Amino acid sequence: MKTIAHVVLVAAIASLGSIAMAQDSFGYGMAGCGLGTQIFENKPGKIPQIFQHITNKSASQTSAVTSGTSGCVESAQEMAAVYISINHVAFMKDVSRGSGETITNLSGIYKCENANVLADTLKTHFNDIFEEGRSTEETSRKVEEVIVTNKIGCNELS
């Protein structure tokens, strides 16, 4: 019986640690998006957040994230920021060449009318975009700034 109590206690502590590390920058609260957040309406406080977190983790949050259900939807800007962060080195190489798969994919995320125009514009602004010491998040914001300023025609950016 003591062993079961220890397992439950460890699981609860692990859940709390995951909640504490979760980011709330997408408006989901610390428990993240998912069925639990939908059921418990993203209420503040530790107890509702614990129930949200446990339900999210046990109710196939992965499926909700990949399918965009249960409130797990990201904007094009959020998806692009993650994409640029994950593919930073390849993206930098493609921008320096003015062509490549990462630019084509980014063009799709932003729903740009012409990937070649995007590629040429990013190449022209390479030094501004990849300024030394700039984080990948700042790089992503700079890419968006270049797209908007140069009126490239990406429907997800105004």
Protein backbone atom coordinates (compact mmCIF):
# COMPACT_ATOMS: atom_id res chain seq x y z
CA MET A 1 0.00 0.00 0.00
CA LYS A 2 2.88 2.36 0.82
CA THR A 3 4.37 1.69 -2.60
CA ILE A 4 1.16 2.71 -4.38
CA ALA A 5 1.00 5.90 -2.33
CA HIS A 6 4.61 6.68 -3.28
CA VAL A 7 3.87 6.09 -6.97
CA VAL A 8 0.83 8.39 -6.83
CA LEU A 9 2.84 11.05 -4.98
CA VAL A 10 5.69 10.87 -7.53
CA ALA A 11 3.19 11.09 -10.41
CA ALA A 12 1.52 14.13 -8.84
CA ILE A 13 4.86 15.85 -8.30
CA ALA A 14 5.91 15.06 -11.88
CA SER A 15 2.66 16.54 -13.16
CA LEU A 16 3.21 19.69 -11.15
CA GLY A 17 6.72 19.98 -12.55
CA SER A 18 5.38 19.70 -16.08
CA ILE A 19 2.76 22.33 -15.38
CA ALA A 20 5.33 24.69 -13.91
CA MET A 21 7.53 24.34 -16.99
CA ALA A 22 4.66 24.77 -19.47
CA GLN A 23 4.49 28.09 -21.23
CA ASP A 24 1.32 30.10 -21.37
CA SER A 25 2.35 32.34 -24.25
CA PHE A 26 -0.31 30.86 -26.56
CA GLY A 27 -3.19 31.74 -24.24
CA TYR A 28 -3.79 28.18 -23.03
CA GLY A 29 -2.68 28.72 -19.44
CA MET A 30 0.01 26.68 -17.79
CA ALA A 31 -1.73 23.35 -18.47
CA GLY A 32 -1.54 23.84 -22.22
CA CYS A 33 -4.19 23.16 -24.80
CA GLY A 34 -6.30 20.01 -24.92
CA LEU A 35 -9.47 18.37 -23.73
CA GLY A 36 -8.77 19.17 -20.05
CA THR A 37 -8.46 22.86 -20.83
CA GLN A 38 -11.75 22.69 -22.74
CA ILE A 39 -13.57 20.84 -19.95
CA PHE A 40 -12.21 22.91 -17.07
CA GLU A 41 -12.37 26.16 -19.10
CA ASN A 42 -8.77 27.20 -18.42
CA LYS A 43 -9.68 28.36 -14.91
CA PRO A 44 -6.92 29.92 -12.83
CA GLY A 45 -5.58 28.30 -9.70
CA LYS A 46 -3.50 25.24 -9.03
CA ILE A 47 -6.26 22.67 -8.58
CA PRO A 48 -8.09 23.36 -11.89
CA GLN A 49 -4.74 23.52 -13.69
CA ILE A 50 -3.71 20.14 -12.25
CA PHE A 51 -7.00 18.61 -13.47
CA GLN A 52 -6.55 20.30 -16.86
CA HIS A 53 -3.00 18.99 -17.13
CA ILE A 54 -3.86 15.42 -16.10
CA THR A 55 -6.83 15.32 -18.50
CA ASN A 56 -4.76 16.83 -21.32
CA LYS A 57 -2.03 14.23 -20.85
CA SER A 58 -4.41 11.29 -20.54
CA ALA A 59 -6.82 12.35 -23.31
CA SER A 60 -4.42 12.20 -26.26
CA GLN A 61 -3.17 15.77 -26.34
CA THR A 62 -0.88 14.78 -29.23
CA SER A 63 -3.91 14.05 -31.38
CA ALA A 64 -5.48 17.37 -30.42
CA VAL A 65 -2.30 19.27 -31.26
CA THR A 66 -1.79 17.62 -34.64
CA SER A 67 -5.44 17.83 -35.66
CA GLY A 68 -5.99 21.36 -34.33
CA THR A 69 -8.88 20.30 -32.09
CA SER A 70 -9.56 20.95 -28.40
CA GLY A 71 -8.28 24.49 -28.69
CA CYS A 72 -4.84 23.41 -29.96
CA VAL A 73 -4.49 25.85 -32.83
CA GLU A 74 -1.49 28.02 -33.60
CA SER A 75 -1.35 31.08 -35.78
CA ALA A 76 0.85 31.17 -38.86
CA GLN A 77 3.28 33.39 -36.92
CA GLU A 78 3.57 30.82 -34.13
CA MET A 79 4.03 27.95 -36.59
CA ALA A 80 6.62 29.94 -38.55
CA ALA A 81 8.54 30.81 -35.37
CA VAL A 82 8.74 27.12 -34.42
CA TYR A 83 9.65 26.15 -38.00
CA ILE A 84 12.44 28.74 -38.19
CA SER A 85 13.75 27.70 -34.79
CA ILE A 86 13.85 24.00 -35.67
CA ASN A 87 15.32 24.56 -39.13
CA HIS A 88 17.48 27.58 -38.32
CA VAL A 89 20.74 26.39 -39.91
CA ALA A 90 19.09 25.08 -43.09
CA PHE A 91 16.91 28.20 -43.30
CA MET A 92 19.97 30.45 -43.01
CA LYS A 93 21.70 28.54 -45.82
CA ASP A 94 18.61 28.69 -48.03
CA VAL A 95 18.17 32.42 -47.46
CA SER A 96 21.84 33.03 -48.28
CA ARG A 97 21.30 31.18 -51.61
CA GLY A 98 17.91 32.73 -52.26
CA SER A 99 16.20 29.37 -52.72
CA GLY A 100 15.48 26.12 -50.96
CA GLU A 101 13.00 23.87 -49.26
CA THR A 102 12.80 25.84 -46.01
CA ILE A 103 11.80 29.02 -47.87
CA THR A 104 9.23 27.11 -49.92
CA ASN A 105 7.77 25.63 -46.72
CA LEU A 106 7.76 29.01 -44.97
CA SER A 107 5.99 30.45 -48.00
CA GLY A 108 3.31 27.80 -47.50
CA ILE A 109 2.94 28.60 -43.80
CA TYR A 110 2.49 32.31 -44.55
CA LYS A 111 0.38 31.54 -47.67
CA CYS A 112 2.58 33.71 -49.86
CA GLU A 113 1.53 34.26 -53.47
CA ASN A 114 5.03 33.66 -54.84
CA ALA A 115 7.77 31.70 -53.06
CA ASN A 116 10.43 33.03 -55.47
CA VAL A 117 9.65 36.63 -54.55
CA LEU A 118 9.86 35.67 -50.87
CA ALA A 119 13.21 33.94 -51.46
CA ASP A 120 14.67 36.91 -53.37
CA THR A 121 13.50 39.39 -50.74
CA LEU A 122 14.84 37.36 -47.83
CA LYS A 123 18.18 36.97 -49.63
CA THR A 124 18.38 40.75 -50.15
CA HIS A 125 17.81 41.27 -46.41
CA PHE A 126 20.02 38.38 -45.23
CA ASN A 127 22.31 40.54 -43.05
CA ASP A 128 19.36 42.25 -41.35
CA ILE A 129 17.56 38.95 -40.70
CA PHE A 130 20.56 37.03 -39.38
CA GLU A 131 22.23 39.79 -37.42
CA GLU A 132 24.86 38.38 -35.05
CA GLY A 133 23.54 37.59 -31.58
CA ARG A 134 19.91 37.53 -32.69
CA SER A 135 17.80 34.71 -31.22
CA THR A 136 15.69 32.48 -33.47
CA GLU A 137 12.57 34.18 -32.09
CA GLU A 138 13.98 37.57 -33.05
CA THR A 139 14.94 36.15 -36.45
CA SER A 140 11.35 35.04 -36.97
CA ARG A 141 10.03 38.50 -36.09
CA LYS A 142 12.57 40.08 -38.44
CA VAL A 143 11.46 37.78 -41.28
CA GLU A 144 7.86 38.88 -40.72
CA GLU A 145 8.93 42.53 -40.64
CA VAL A 146 10.77 42.11 -43.97
CA ILE A 147 7.73 40.40 -45.53
CA VAL A 148 5.30 43.09 -44.40
CA THR A 149 7.59 46.04 -45.19
CA ASN A 150 8.30 44.76 -48.70
CA LYS A 151 4.64 43.90 -49.37
CA ILE A 152 5.47 40.42 -50.64
CA GLY A 153 1.87 39.23 -50.64
CA CYS A 154 1.74 36.67 -47.86
CA ASN A 155 -1.91 36.28 -46.87
CA GLU A 156 -1.19 35.30 -43.25
CA LEU A 157 0.66 38.58 -42.60
CA SER A 158 -0.86 42.01 -43.02
